Amino acid sequence: METDFDPQAIVERFKSRAEAVRRRGIPPVEGAERQRFVRQAAEDYQDFAILADAEVELEQGILTFRIDLRPKSGSAPERR
């Protein structure tokens, strides 16, 4: 592994990817294909945004992403 590996750079790339998905337009498709595209874009954004909020650490060759999914203080709990 390279000695100049920067785990925080990974987090920054996920931030960029989340923003790119958020800005991405919907191609000219209709019906079920459009719904699949919109659903996949929402999932992509969620995944990238979660990783973009991670605290990242590289210790003894182990890369760890720490992600706090608890609701913020004062916010309503998420419904499922």
N, C-alpha and C. Protein backbone atom coordinates (compact mmCIF):
# COMPACT_ATOMS: atom_id res chain seq x y z
N MET A 1 0.86 -1.18 0.00
CA MET A 1 0.00 0.00 0.00
C MET A 1 0.90 1.24 0.00
N GLU A 2 0.50 2.25 -0.71
CA GLU A 2 1.27 3.49 -0.76
C GLU A 2 1.31 4.16 0.60
N THR A 3 2.45 4.77 0.91
CA THR A 3 2.57 5.46 2.19
C THR A 3 1.83 6.78 2.20
N ASP A 4 1.53 7.34 1.03
CA ASP A 4 0.82 8.63 0.98
C ASP A 4 -0.69 8.44 0.79
N PHE A 5 -1.20 7.25 1.08
CA PHE A 5 -2.63 6.98 1.00
C PHE A 5 -3.37 7.90 1.96
N ASP A 6 -4.41 8.57 1.47
CA ASP A 6 -5.17 9.52 2.28
C ASP A 6 -6.61 9.05 2.40
N PRO A 7 -6.98 8.44 3.55
CA PRO A 7 -8.35 7.97 3.71
C PRO A 7 -9.38 9.09 3.61
N GLN A 8 -9.03 10.29 4.03
CA GLN A 8 -9.97 11.41 3.96
C GLN A 8 -10.29 11.76 2.51
N ALA A 9 -9.37 11.49 1.61
CA ALA A 9 -9.63 11.74 0.19
C ALA A 9 -10.77 10.86 -0.32
N ILE A 10 -10.89 9.66 0.23
CA ILE A 10 -12.01 8.78 -0.14
C ILE A 10 -13.33 9.43 0.25
N VAL A 11 -13.39 9.96 1.45
CA VAL A 11 -14.60 10.63 1.93
C VAL A 11 -14.94 11.81 1.01
N GLU A 12 -13.93 12.56 0.63
CA GLU A 12 -14.16 13.71 -0.27
C GLU A 12 -14.69 13.25 -1.62
N ARG A 13 -14.19 12.13 -2.13
CA ARG A 13 -14.71 11.61 -3.40
C ARG A 13 -16.16 11.19 -3.27
N PHE A 14 -16.52 10.60 -2.13
CA PHE A 14 -17.92 10.23 -1.93
C PHE A 14 -18.80 11.47 -1.86
N LYS A 15 -18.31 12.55 -1.27
CA LYS A 15 -19.07 13.81 -1.25
C LYS A 15 -19.31 14.29 -2.68
N SER A 16 -18.27 14.23 -3.50
CA SER A 16 -18.40 14.66 -4.90
C SER A 16 -19.39 13.77 -5.65
N ARG A 17 -19.33 12.48 -5.41
CA ARG A 17 -20.24 11.56 -6.09
C ARG A 17 -21.68 11.79 -5.66
N ALA A 18 -21.89 12.02 -4.37
CA ALA A 18 -23.26 12.29 -3.90
C ALA A 18 -23.81 13.54 -4.57
N GLU A 19 -23.00 14.57 -4.66
CA GLU A 19 -23.44 15.81 -5.30
C GLU A 19 -23.72 15.59 -6.79
N ALA A 20 -22.88 14.80 -7.45
CA ALA A 20 -23.10 14.52 -8.87
C ALA A 20 -24.41 13.77 -9.10
N VAL A 21 -24.73 12.81 -8.22
CA VAL A 21 -25.99 12.08 -8.36
C VAL A 21 -27.16 13.03 -8.12
N ARG A 22 -27.03 13.91 -7.13
CA ARG A 22 -28.11 14.85 -6.81
C ARG A 22 -28.40 15.78 -7.99
N ARG A 23 -27.36 16.19 -8.71
CA ARG A 23 -27.52 17.11 -9.84
C ARG A 23 -27.87 16.41 -11.15
N ARG A 24 -27.69 15.11 -11.18
CA ARG A 24 -27.87 14.35 -12.42
C ARG A 24 -29.31 14.45 -12.91
N GLY A 25 -29.45 14.69 -14.19
CA GLY A 25 -30.78 14.76 -14.79
C GLY A 25 -31.34 13.38 -15.06
N ILE A 26 -32.61 13.34 -15.38
CA ILE A 26 -33.27 12.08 -15.71
C ILE A 26 -33.28 11.94 -17.23
N PRO A 27 -32.79 10.82 -17.73
CA PRO A 27 -32.79 10.65 -19.19
C PRO A 27 -34.23 10.53 -19.71
N PRO A 28 -34.39 10.71 -21.00
CA PRO A 28 -35.74 10.67 -21.57
C PRO A 28 -36.28 9.25 -21.68
N VAL A 29 -36.62 8.69 -20.53
CA VAL A 29 -37.24 7.36 -20.50
C VAL A 29 -38.60 7.49 -19.82
N GLU A 30 -39.46 6.52 -20.06
CA GLU A 30 -40.82 6.61 -19.51
C GLU A 30 -41.17 5.34 -18.74
N GLY A 31 -42.25 5.44 -18.02
CA GLY A 31 -42.85 4.28 -17.37
C GLY A 31 -41.97 3.64 -16.32
N ALA A 32 -41.96 2.31 -16.35
CA ALA A 32 -41.25 1.53 -15.34
C ALA A 32 -39.74 1.81 -15.37
N GLU A 33 -39.20 2.01 -16.55
CA GLU A 33 -37.76 2.28 -16.65
C GLU A 33 -37.41 3.60 -15.96
N ARG A 34 -38.25 4.59 -16.10
CA ARG A 34 -38.04 5.88 -15.43
C ARG A 34 -38.09 5.70 -13.91
N GLN A 35 -39.06 4.93 -13.43
CA GLN A 35 -39.17 4.69 -11.99
C GLN A 35 -37.93 3.97 -11.46
N ARG A 36 -37.42 3.00 -12.22
CA ARG A 36 -36.20 2.29 -11.81
C ARG A 36 -35.02 3.25 -11.75
N PHE A 37 -34.91 4.14 -12.74
CA PHE A 37 -33.81 5.10 -12.76
C PHE A 37 -33.87 6.03 -11.55
N VAL A 38 -35.06 6.55 -11.26
CA VAL A 38 -35.24 7.47 -10.13
C VAL A 38 -34.93 6.75 -8.81
N ARG A 39 -35.42 5.53 -8.67
CA ARG A 39 -35.18 4.76 -7.45
C ARG A 39 -33.68 4.47 -7.28
N GLN A 40 -33.00 4.10 -8.38
CA GLN A 40 -31.57 3.82 -8.31
C GLN A 40 -30.78 5.09 -7.97
N ALA A 41 -31.17 6.23 -8.53
CA ALA A 41 -30.50 7.49 -8.22
C ALA A 41 -30.66 7.83 -6.74
N ALA A 42 -31.83 7.61 -6.20
CA ALA A 42 -32.06 7.88 -4.77
C ALA A 42 -31.18 6.98 -3.90
N GLU A 43 -31.08 5.71 -4.26
CA GLU A 43 -30.24 4.79 -3.51
C GLU A 43 -28.76 5.16 -3.64
N ASP A 44 -28.33 5.52 -4.85
CA ASP A 44 -26.94 5.94 -5.05
C ASP A 44 -26.62 7.16 -4.20
N TYR A 45 -27.52 8.15 -4.22
CA TYR A 45 -27.29 9.36 -3.43
C TYR A 45 -27.19 9.01 -1.95
N GLN A 46 -28.12 8.21 -1.46
CA GLN A 46 -28.11 7.84 -0.04
C GLN A 46 -26.80 7.15 0.33
N ASP A 47 -26.37 6.18 -0.47
CA ASP A 47 -25.14 5.44 -0.18
C ASP A 47 -23.93 6.36 -0.17
N PHE A 48 -23.80 7.19 -1.20
CA PHE A 48 -22.66 8.10 -1.28
C PHE A 48 -22.69 9.12 -0.15
N ALA A 49 -23.87 9.65 0.17
CA ALA A 49 -23.99 10.66 1.23
C ALA A 49 -23.65 10.07 2.60
N ILE A 50 -24.07 8.84 2.85
CA ILE A 50 -23.73 8.19 4.12
C ILE A 50 -22.22 8.06 4.25
N LEU A 51 -21.56 7.58 3.21
CA LEU A 51 -20.11 7.42 3.28
C LEU A 51 -19.39 8.77 3.33
N ALA A 52 -20.00 9.78 2.72
CA ALA A 52 -19.40 11.12 2.75
C ALA A 52 -19.42 11.72 4.15
N ASP A 53 -20.32 11.24 5.01
CA ASP A 53 -20.40 11.73 6.39
C ASP A 53 -19.56 10.90 7.35
N ALA A 54 -18.85 9.92 6.85
CA ALA A 54 -18.11 9.01 7.72
C ALA A 54 -16.85 9.66 8.29
N GLU A 55 -16.52 9.19 9.49
CA GLU A 55 -15.19 9.45 10.04
C GLU A 55 -14.35 8.26 9.58
N VAL A 56 -13.22 8.53 8.97
CA VAL A 56 -12.43 7.47 8.38
C VAL A 56 -11.07 7.40 9.06
N GLU A 57 -10.58 6.16 9.19
CA GLU A 57 -9.30 5.97 9.87
C GLU A 57 -8.59 4.78 9.24
N LEU A 58 -7.30 4.93 9.05
CA LEU A 58 -6.45 3.84 8.58
C LEU A 58 -5.47 3.54 9.70
N GLU A 59 -5.64 2.37 10.30
CA GLU A 59 -4.79 2.01 11.43
C GLU A 59 -4.30 0.58 11.24
N GLN A 60 -3.01 0.40 11.21
CA GLN A 60 -2.38 -0.92 11.04
C GLN A 60 -2.92 -1.64 9.81
N GLY A 61 -3.10 -0.90 8.74
CA GLY A 61 -3.55 -1.49 7.49
C GLY A 61 -5.04 -1.75 7.39
N ILE A 62 -5.81 -1.37 8.39
CA ILE A 62 -7.26 -1.58 8.38
C ILE A 62 -7.94 -0.23 8.19
N LEU A 63 -8.72 -0.12 7.12
CA LEU A 63 -9.47 1.10 6.82
C LEU A 63 -10.85 0.97 7.46
N THR A 64 -11.19 1.92 8.32
CA THR A 64 -12.45 1.88 9.05
C THR A 64 -13.26 3.12 8.77
N PHE A 65 -14.53 2.92 8.40
CA PHE A 65 -15.48 4.00 8.25
C PHE A 65 -16.40 3.95 9.45
N ARG A 66 -16.49 5.03 10.20
CA ARG A 66 -17.38 5.10 11.36
C ARG A 66 -18.51 6.06 10.98
N ILE A 67 -19.75 5.52 11.01
CA ILE A 67 -20.91 6.27 10.55
C ILE A 67 -21.96 6.26 11.64
N ASP A 68 -22.33 7.42 12.12
CA ASP A 68 -23.34 7.56 13.16
C ASP A 68 -24.70 7.72 12.49
N LEU A 69 -25.55 6.70 12.61
CA LEU A 69 -26.86 6.74 11.98
C LEU A 69 -27.97 7.10 12.97
N ARG A 70 -27.57 7.47 14.18
CA ARG A 70 -28.58 7.87 15.16
C ARG A 70 -29.21 9.19 14.73
N PRO A 71 -30.51 9.38 15.03
CA PRO A 71 -31.17 10.65 14.69
C PRO A 71 -30.49 11.81 15.41
N LYS A 72 -30.44 12.93 14.74
CA LYS A 72 -29.88 14.14 15.36
C LYS A 72 -30.77 14.56 16.52
N SER A 73 -30.20 15.19 17.51
CA SER A 73 -30.95 15.66 18.67
C SER A 73 -32.07 16.59 18.22
N GLY A 74 -33.27 16.34 18.73
CA GLY A 74 -34.40 17.20 18.41
C GLY A 74 -35.15 16.82 17.16
N SER A 75 -34.66 15.82 16.41
CA SER A 75 -35.38 15.43 15.21
C SER A 75 -36.24 14.20 15.51
N ALA A 76 -37.28 14.08 14.75
CA ALA A 76 -38.20 12.94 14.92
C ALA A 76 -37.51 11.67 14.47
N PRO A 77 -37.79 10.55 15.12
CA PRO A 77 -37.20 9.28 14.67
C PRO A 77 -37.71 8.93 13.29
N GLU A 78 -36.85 8.28 12.51
CA GLU A 78 -37.21 7.89 11.15
C GLU A 78 -38.21 6.76 11.19
N ARG A 79 -39.25 6.87 10.35
CA ARG A 79 -40.27 5.82 10.26
C ARG A 79 -39.88 4.83 9.19
N ARG A 80 -40.21 3.58 9.42
CA ARG A 80 -39.93 2.53 8.42
C ARG A 80 -41.19 1.92 7.93
